[in-house]
C-alpha atoms as a PDB file:
ATOM      1  CA  UNK A   1       4.560 -18.253  12.766  1.00  0.00           C
ATOM      2  CA  UNK A   2       7.192 -17.248  10.137  1.00  0.00           C
ATOM      3  CA  UNK A   3       7.539 -18.904   6.826  1.00  0.00           C
ATOM      4  CA  UNK A   4       9.438 -18.265   3.647  1.00  0.00           C
ATOM      5  CA  UNK A   5       8.046 -18.195   0.016  1.00  0.00           C
ATOM      6  CA  UNK A   6       9.365 -21.785  -0.473  1.00  0.00           C
ATOM      7  CA  UNK A   7       7.692 -22.949   2.683  1.00  0.00           C
ATOM      8  CA  UNK A   8       4.289 -21.482   1.190  1.00  0.00           C
ATOM      9  CA  UNK A   9       4.776 -23.619  -1.699  1.00  0.00           C
ATOM     10  CA  UNK A  10       5.930 -26.946  -0.182  1.00  0.00           C
ATOM     11  CA  UNK A  11       4.339 -26.797   3.180  1.00  0.00           C
ATOM     12  CA  UNK A  12       1.024 -25.037   2.740  1.00  0.00           C
ATOM     13  CA  UNK A  13      -0.729 -27.427   5.007  1.00  0.00           C
ATOM     14  CA  UNK A  14       1.374 -26.311   7.957  1.00  0.00           C
ATOM     15  CA  UNK A  15       0.575 -22.586   7.079  1.00  0.00           C
ATOM     16  CA  UNK A  16      -3.083 -23.464   6.882  1.00  0.00           C
ATOM     17  CA  UNK A  17      -2.890 -25.279  10.292  1.00  0.00           C
ATOM     18  CA  UNK A  18      -1.374 -22.278  11.805  1.00  0.00           C
ATOM     19  CA  UNK A  19      -4.219 -20.127  10.512  1.00  0.00           C
ATOM     20  CA  UNK A  20      -6.763 -22.687  12.021  1.00  0.00           C
ATOM     21  CA  UNK A  21      -5.035 -22.150  15.377  1.00  0.00           C
ATOM     22  CA  UNK A  22      -5.661 -18.359  14.716  1.00  0.00           C
ATOM     23  CA  UNK A  23      -1.978 -17.546  14.427  1.00  0.00           C
ATOM     24  CA  UNK A  24      -0.721 -14.766  12.192  1.00  0.00           C
ATOM     25  CA  UNK A  25       1.894 -15.984   9.506  1.00  0.00           C
ATOM     26  CA  UNK A  26       4.575 -13.560   8.565  1.00  0.00           C
ATOM     27  CA  UNK A  27       6.030 -14.121   4.943  1.00  0.00           C
ATOM     28  CA  UNK A  28       9.747 -13.816   4.579  1.00  0.00           C
ATOM     29  CA  UNK A  29      11.584 -13.071   1.449  1.00  0.00           C
ATOM     30  CA  UNK A  30      15.366 -12.952   1.512  1.00  0.00           C
ATOM     31  CA  UNK A  31      15.151 -12.750   5.334  1.00  0.00           C
ATOM     32  CA  UNK A  32      12.853  -9.743   5.523  1.00  0.00           C
ATOM     33  CA  UNK A  33       9.213  -9.596   6.236  1.00  0.00           C
ATOM     34  CA  UNK A  34       7.183  -9.014   2.991  1.00  0.00           C
ATOM     35  CA  UNK A  35       3.692  -9.463   4.256  1.00  0.00           C
ATOM     36  CA  UNK A  36       1.317 -11.107   6.759  1.00  0.00           C
ATOM     37  CA  UNK A  37      -1.413 -13.543   6.620  1.00  0.00           C
ATOM     38  CA  UNK A  38      -3.979 -12.979   9.197  1.00  0.00           C
ATOM     39  CA  UNK A  39      -6.828 -15.468  10.134  1.00  0.00           C
ATOM     40  CA  UNK A  40     -10.283 -14.800   8.819  1.00  0.00           C
ATOM     41  CA  UNK A  41     -12.267 -12.453  11.290  1.00  0.00           C
ATOM     42  CA  UNK A  42      -9.264 -11.108  12.905  1.00  0.00           C
ATOM     43  CA  UNK A  43      -8.947  -7.292  12.560  1.00  0.00           C
ATOM     44  CA  UNK A  44      -6.085  -6.041  10.590  1.00  0.00           C
ATOM     45  CA  UNK A  45      -3.552  -3.414  11.931  1.00  0.00           C
ATOM     46  CA  UNK A  46      -3.941  -1.643   8.590  1.00  0.00           C
ATOM     47  CA  UNK A  47      -6.987   0.210   7.380  1.00  0.00           C
ATOM     48  CA  UNK A  48      -7.681   1.094   3.836  1.00  0.00           C
ATOM     49  CA  UNK A  49      -8.478   4.672   5.013  1.00  0.00           C
ATOM     50  CA  UNK A  50      -4.685   5.028   5.934  1.00  0.00           C
ATOM     51  CA  UNK A  51      -3.953   4.729   2.208  1.00  0.00           C
ATOM     52  CA  UNK A  52      -3.038   7.991   0.503  1.00  0.00           C
ATOM     53  CA  UNK A  53      -5.096   6.917  -2.505  1.00  0.00           C
ATOM     54  CA  UNK A  54      -8.338   6.712  -0.417  1.00  0.00           C
ATOM     55  CA  UNK A  55     -10.630   9.359  -1.360  1.00  0.00           C
ATOM     56  CA  UNK A  56      -8.106  11.060  -3.926  1.00  0.00           C
ATOM     57  CA  UNK A  57     -11.060  11.663  -6.339  1.00  0.00           C
ATOM     58  CA  UNK A  58     -13.764  12.779  -4.124  1.00  0.00           C
ATOM     59  CA  UNK A  59     -13.667  16.207  -5.768  1.00  0.00           C
ATOM     60  CA  UNK A  60     -14.053  14.804  -9.129  1.00  0.00           C
ATOM     61  CA  UNK A  61     -17.377  15.513 -10.878  1.00  0.00           C
ATOM     62  CA  UNK A  62     -17.020  12.427 -13.326  1.00  0.00           C
ATOM     63  CA  UNK A  63     -18.512   9.050 -12.701  1.00  0.00           C
ATOM     64  CA  UNK A  64     -16.371   6.065 -12.193  1.00  0.00           C
ATOM     65  CA  UNK A  65     -17.119   4.826 -15.648  1.00  0.00           C
ATOM     66  CA  UNK A  66     -16.178   8.114 -17.253  1.00  0.00           C
ATOM     67  CA  UNK A  67     -12.916   8.428 -15.216  1.00  0.00           C
ATOM     68  CA  UNK A  68     -11.744   4.959 -16.364  1.00  0.00           C
ATOM     69  CA  UNK A  69     -12.610   5.860 -19.974  1.00  0.00           C
ATOM     70  CA  UNK A  70     -10.561   9.010 -19.642  1.00  0.00           C
ATOM     71  CA  UNK A  71      -7.573   7.008 -18.041  1.00  0.00           C
ATOM     72  CA  UNK A  72      -7.677   4.190 -20.556  1.00  0.00           C
ATOM     73  CA  UNK A  73      -7.611   6.570 -23.514  1.00  0.00           C
ATOM     74  CA  UNK A  74      -7.128   5.420 -26.956  1.00  0.00           C
ATOM     75  CA  UNK A  75      -5.625   2.025 -26.607  1.00  0.00           C
ATOM     76  CA  UNK A  76      -8.804   0.769 -24.837  1.00  0.00           C
ATOM     77  CA  UNK A  77     -11.067   2.134 -27.520  1.00  0.00           C
ATOM     78  CA  UNK A  78      -8.636   0.602 -30.214  1.00  0.00           C
ATOM     79  CA  UNK A  79      -9.372  -3.096 -29.201  1.00  0.00           C
END
């Protein structure tokens, strides 16, 4: 099934019925596919491991909390 952003808003019931029928729903924006909703339990074609950001800090010795504190910097501490 293909649907537009407007259809998502006004015809969500039809979109949910398509997902119940185990159909993938492609979201169109200005005639181009922007995303896809897949039914629960169906395997996605995209893996998180394919992302260039996956594992980018594996060589870091800082903990996640220390890294976030370093990234947030002064503005987070100023609150």
